[in-house]
Structures are given as C-alpha cells and as structure tokens.
Amino acid sequence: MSVVTRKLVAKELHVHRWFMAGAAIPAALSAAICAFGDAAFNIGALTWMTTIIAFGVMIALYGVMNERKEHSLQFVLSLPLSIGEYVRAKMLGLLLCYFVVWFVAAGSAIVMVISAPRVPDGLLPYTVLLCMFMFSNFAVVVCGALHARSEAMTSAVIILTNMAVSVFMFTVGALPGLKTYMTGSTPVWNATFYNVLIVELIVLVIAVTLPLATAARRRDFI
C-alpha cells in the first residue's frame, strides 16, 4: 500500500471521527437500554438499528457522493495514485470507519444479551447474525455507491439496503432453526445459524471485492 493510499485511508478516519463518536456512543447506550424490560427492549433495539443504519448511510453519502458533488474527487485523482488505488483506499477507509462503530454496537448488543437477566440467552445466535448482516449490508451500500454515477442510483441502493434490514429480520427470524430457540435459556448454534452466517460472509466478500474488479478498472471514474 502506497503512502498516498495510507493517507487517504487515514483521511477517512479523520473526516468521519465525529460521526463515529456520535454513532458509537448512542449505539452502546441503546443496547444497554434493552436490558430494562419489554418496552425498553423495543425502544433500545429500534434506536440501536437506526443508529447503525443512519451512520452507514451518512458516511457512504459524505465519503463517496459528496466528493463528486464538491468536485474534490478531481483533486484526489490528480494525486500520484491510480483509480484502482483510490477505490481500494475508499473501500478500506469507509469499512474501517464503520467497523469501529459496528464493533462497539455489536459488542454492546452481545454483552447485553449475555448479561441481562430479562433477555434470554437463546437470542444470542440471532443477535450475532443481525450484527453480521449489518456489516455485510453496509459493504453492499459502499459497493453500490462506488459503482453509481448519480445521486439517484446511490439513493436507490440506500433504499433497497434499508428495506433489506426488515426483510432479513422477518425472514431469518422466522426460520425454525432460530425461532424455536430464541426464548431459550441457552444459545443454540445449529446448522441454520451457520448456513445464514456463511451467506452473509459470501455477500460481504462479493461486496468488498466487486469494486476492485469493476469500478477500479474504469478509465473515467468521475
């Protein structure tokens, strides 16, 4: 990785540092709220998901589309780096930014499920899958933003990925291999869990590598 590429990755972390702090803290607090009863669980879970989703949308818009709108992308591409290096730096930088918030949010949710007496430990496998889905879903958002050539296309990607969260929750949550054990006192790591996890990891790998194989090869990235 070249010096310019490393500096671009560091720039993403610096530019989005306040977004990261502003999302990580509320996400952790939202997970903590879930431990205080059924109503608190619903409010905390909704706030937790909203925070993670909104953060991903914000850094995707500011990190990719805003560079085009403010014409700062032309300056970046005038630096001694290729389009491929720019795409790699952008993907890595945004994933690192999201990972920091995601790690805090996912860790808080997992700790809450394990430690809160009111929350059944059987919910842990579904929580892990939901957290992994959030990360894979964000990778798809960045992948789409790097391929999109207009705000309309980026907006369409964001809308579809946001809708995918609800589809995931209702579809995966209804799978017998998960639903049956959610209210149990111990987590069950069965074939259903691992099959869903494998699909999520495949989506993540595709979303991360696709821009490197397609968008990075454009002659005119602007």
Protein backbone atom coordinates (compact mmCIF):
# COMPACT_ATOMS: atom_id res chain seq x y z
CA MET A 1 0.00 0.00 0.00
CA SER A 2 1.47 3.33 -1.08
CA VAL A 3 1.96 6.35 1.15
CA VAL A 4 -0.81 8.25 -0.66
CA THR A 5 -3.21 5.34 -0.22
CA ARG A 6 -2.45 5.13 3.51
CA LYS A 7 -3.00 8.86 3.86
CA LEU A 8 -6.37 8.59 2.08
CA VAL A 9 -7.43 5.83 4.48
CA ALA A 10 -6.30 7.95 7.43
CA LYS A 11 -8.18 10.90 5.94
CA GLU A 12 -11.43 8.94 6.01
CA LEU A 13 -10.94 8.12 9.68
CA HIS A 14 -10.15 11.76 10.45
CA VAL A 15 -13.02 13.25 8.45
CA HIS A 16 -15.62 10.91 9.93
CA ARG A 17 -14.29 10.86 13.50
CA TRP A 18 -17.20 12.89 14.91
CA PHE A 19 -19.75 10.79 13.02
CA MET A 20 -18.08 7.72 14.51
CA ALA A 21 -18.21 9.05 18.06
CA GLY A 22 -21.75 10.30 17.55
CA ALA A 23 -22.89 6.85 16.47
CA ALA A 24 -20.83 4.54 18.70
CA ILE A 25 -21.95 6.11 21.98
CA PRO A 26 -25.71 6.11 21.21
CA ALA A 27 -25.46 2.54 19.87
CA ALA A 28 -23.87 1.34 23.11
CA LEU A 29 -26.43 3.22 25.21
CA SER A 30 -29.29 1.83 23.11
CA ALA A 31 -28.05 -1.72 23.72
CA ALA A 32 -27.89 -1.02 27.46
CA ILE A 33 -31.47 0.28 27.47
CA CYS A 34 -32.69 -3.06 26.12
CA ALA A 35 -32.00 -4.72 29.46
CA PHE A 36 -34.74 -2.81 31.33
CA GLY A 37 -37.93 -4.59 30.28
CA ASP A 38 -40.00 -5.33 27.20
CA ALA A 39 -40.83 -1.73 26.30
CA ALA A 40 -37.24 -0.64 26.88
CA PHE A 41 -36.04 -3.56 24.75
CA ASN A 42 -38.20 -2.49 21.81
CA ILE A 43 -37.12 1.16 22.10
CA GLY A 44 -33.46 0.29 22.58
CA ALA A 45 -33.40 -2.21 19.71
CA LEU A 46 -35.06 0.25 17.34
CA THR A 47 -32.66 3.03 18.34
CA TRP A 48 -29.69 0.66 18.04
CA MET A 49 -30.60 -0.36 14.50
CA THR A 50 -31.49 3.19 13.45
CA THR A 51 -28.13 4.47 14.69
CA ILE A 52 -26.11 1.86 12.81
CA ILE A 53 -28.10 2.22 9.60
CA ALA A 54 -28.06 6.02 9.68
CA PHE A 55 -24.32 6.09 10.31
CA GLY A 56 -23.68 3.81 7.35
CA VAL A 57 -25.83 5.97 5.08
CA MET A 58 -24.13 9.19 6.24
CA ILE A 59 -20.56 8.08 5.65
CA ALA A 60 -21.46 6.48 2.32
CA LEU A 61 -23.03 9.74 1.14
CA TYR A 62 -20.31 12.00 2.53
CA GLY A 63 -17.50 9.62 1.70
CA VAL A 64 -18.41 8.92 -1.92
CA MET A 65 -21.16 11.11 -3.36
CA ASN A 66 -20.08 14.31 -1.60
CA GLU A 67 -16.64 14.09 -3.21
CA ARG A 68 -18.29 14.14 -6.61
CA LYS A 69 -20.69 16.98 -5.75
CA GLU A 70 -17.99 19.22 -4.29
CA HIS A 71 -15.57 18.32 -7.11
CA SER A 72 -12.92 17.24 -4.61
CA LEU A 73 -12.68 13.89 -6.41
CA GLN A 74 -10.89 15.59 -9.28
CA PHE A 75 -8.22 16.78 -6.85
CA VAL A 76 -7.84 13.36 -5.26
CA LEU A 77 -7.45 11.68 -8.65
CA SER A 78 -4.82 14.25 -9.60
CA LEU A 79 -2.58 12.81 -6.88
CA PRO A 80 0.00 10.15 -7.80
CA LEU A 81 -2.36 7.20 -7.47
CA SER A 82 -4.42 5.10 -9.85
CA ILE A 83 -8.19 4.76 -9.89
CA GLY A 84 -7.72 1.25 -8.51
CA GLU A 85 -5.71 2.57 -5.57
CA TYR A 86 -8.35 5.23 -4.92
CA VAL A 87 -11.14 2.62 -4.89
CA ARG A 88 -9.15 0.38 -2.53
CA ALA A 89 -8.40 3.30 -0.22
CA LYS A 90 -12.01 4.46 -0.23
CA MET A 91 -13.38 0.96 0.42
CA LEU A 92 -10.86 0.25 3.18
CA GLY A 93 -11.27 3.68 4.78
CA LEU A 94 -15.06 3.56 4.92
CA LEU A 95 -15.08 -0.06 6.11
CA LEU A 96 -12.67 0.85 8.92
CA CYS A 97 -14.85 3.81 9.93
CA TYR A 98 -17.91 1.60 10.00
CA PHE A 99 -16.08 -1.25 11.72
CA VAL A 100 -15.25 0.93 14.74
CA VAL A 101 -18.91 1.82 15.28
CA TRP A 102 -20.10 -1.66 14.35
CA PHE A 103 -17.67 -3.28 16.79
CA VAL A 104 -18.92 -1.10 19.66
CA ALA A 105 -22.57 -1.64 18.69
CA ALA A 106 -22.25 -5.39 18.12
CA GLY A 107 -20.16 -5.89 21.24
CA SER A 108 -22.68 -3.94 23.34
CA ALA A 109 -25.60 -5.95 21.95
CA ILE A 110 -23.88 -9.28 22.59
CA VAL A 111 -22.86 -8.30 26.13
CA MET A 112 -26.41 -7.13 26.80
CA VAL A 113 -27.91 -10.46 25.71
CA ILE A 114 -25.42 -12.46 27.76
CA SER A 115 -25.57 -10.34 30.92
CA ALA A 116 -29.17 -9.06 31.10
CA PRO A 117 -31.38 -11.38 33.19
CA ARG A 118 -34.53 -10.19 31.39
CA VAL A 119 -33.17 -11.11 27.93
CA PRO A 120 -33.00 -14.85 27.08
CA ASP A 121 -29.57 -16.14 26.07
CA GLY A 122 -31.25 -18.04 23.25
CA LEU A 123 -31.44 -14.72 21.41
CA LEU A 124 -27.65 -14.63 21.05
CA PRO A 125 -27.33 -16.51 17.70
CA TYR A 126 -29.91 -14.25 16.08
CA THR A 127 -28.14 -11.19 17.52
CA VAL A 128 -24.83 -12.33 16.04
CA LEU A 129 -26.45 -12.90 12.65
CA LEU A 130 -28.15 -9.50 12.75
CA CYS A 131 -24.86 -7.79 13.59
CA MET A 132 -23.09 -9.63 10.79
CA PHE A 133 -25.87 -8.70 8.41
CA MET A 134 -25.46 -5.01 9.30
CA PHE A 135 -21.79 -5.14 8.35
CA SER A 136 -22.43 -7.01 5.11
CA ASN A 137 -25.28 -4.65 4.29
CA PHE A 138 -23.01 -1.63 4.71
CA ALA A 139 -20.43 -3.21 2.42
CA VAL A 140 -23.18 -3.52 -0.21
CA VAL A 141 -24.04 0.19 0.28
CA VAL A 142 -20.41 1.21 -0.31
CA CYS A 143 -20.16 -1.16 -3.27
CA GLY A 144 -23.25 0.41 -4.82
CA ALA A 145 -22.06 3.96 -4.10
CA LEU A 146 -18.72 3.30 -5.78
CA HIS A 147 -20.47 1.96 -8.87
CA ALA A 148 -23.25 4.57 -9.01
CA ARG A 149 -22.77 7.55 -11.31
CA SER A 150 -25.63 9.65 -9.96
CA GLU A 151 -27.34 10.56 -6.71
CA ALA A 152 -30.50 8.78 -7.88
CA MET A 153 -28.64 5.48 -8.23
CA THR A 154 -26.99 5.91 -4.84
CA SER A 155 -30.34 6.72 -3.25
CA ALA A 156 -31.86 3.62 -4.83
CA VAL A 157 -29.08 1.47 -3.35
CA ILE A 158 -29.62 3.00 0.09
CA ILE A 159 -33.39 2.50 -0.05
CA LEU A 160 -33.05 -1.14 -1.15
CA THR A 161 -30.45 -1.97 1.51
CA ASN A 162 -32.56 -0.31 4.21
CA MET A 163 -35.54 -2.38 3.11
CA ALA A 164 -33.33 -5.45 3.24
CA VAL A 165 -32.93 -4.99 7.00
CA SER A 166 -36.65 -5.53 7.59
CA VAL A 167 -36.73 -8.43 5.13
CA PHE A 168 -33.79 -10.05 6.90
CA MET A 169 -35.29 -9.64 10.37
CA PHE A 170 -38.66 -11.14 9.47
CA THR A 171 -37.32 -13.85 7.15
CA VAL A 172 -34.36 -15.08 9.19
CA GLY A 173 -36.16 -14.55 12.49
CA ALA A 174 -38.91 -16.87 11.28
CA LEU A 175 -36.58 -19.76 10.43
CA PRO A 176 -37.48 -22.71 12.69
CA GLY A 177 -33.83 -23.38 13.47
CA LEU A 178 -33.58 -19.93 15.05
CA LYS A 179 -37.10 -19.02 16.15
CA THR A 180 -37.57 -22.20 18.17
CA TYR A 181 -34.64 -21.44 20.47
CA MET A 182 -34.82 -17.63 20.76
CA THR A 183 -36.64 -17.67 24.08
CA GLY A 184 -34.48 -20.46 25.50
CA SER A 185 -32.07 -20.11 28.37
CA THR A 186 -29.05 -21.22 26.32
CA PRO A 187 -27.90 -20.26 22.81
CA VAL A 188 -28.13 -22.96 20.15
CA TRP A 189 -25.52 -22.86 17.37
CA ASN A 190 -27.04 -25.16 14.79
CA ALA A 191 -26.87 -25.67 11.03
CA THR A 192 -29.39 -22.89 10.39
CA PHE A 193 -27.17 -20.38 12.15
CA TYR A 194 -24.05 -21.40 10.24
CA ASN A 195 -25.83 -21.51 6.88
CA VAL A 196 -27.11 -17.94 7.32
CA LEU A 197 -23.69 -16.81 8.55
CA ILE A 198 -21.97 -18.32 5.50
CA VAL A 199 -24.38 -16.50 3.16
CA GLU A 200 -23.66 -13.23 4.97
CA LEU A 201 -19.91 -13.76 4.66
CA ILE A 202 -20.25 -14.56 0.95
CA VAL A 203 -22.22 -11.33 0.40
CA LEU A 204 -19.56 -9.41 2.35
CA VAL A 205 -16.71 -10.84 0.28
CA ILE A 206 -18.53 -10.11 -3.00
CA ALA A 207 -19.40 -6.55 -1.94
CA VAL A 208 -15.80 -5.82 -0.93
CA THR A 209 -14.11 -7.38 -3.96
CA LEU A 210 -16.54 -6.35 -6.72
CA PRO A 211 -15.50 -2.66 -6.79
CA LEU A 212 -11.87 -3.77 -7.05
CA ALA A 213 -12.73 -5.83 -10.12
CA THR A 214 -15.08 -3.38 -11.84
CA ALA A 215 -15.12 0.23 -10.55
CA ALA A 216 -11.35 0.19 -10.10
CA ARG A 217 -10.90 -0.57 -13.81
CA ARG A 218 -12.82 2.44 -15.06
CA ARG A 219 -10.86 4.89 -17.17
CA ASP A 220 -13.19 7.71 -16.16
CA PHE A 221 -14.23 7.27 -12.54
CA ILE A 222 -15.77 10.74 -12.26
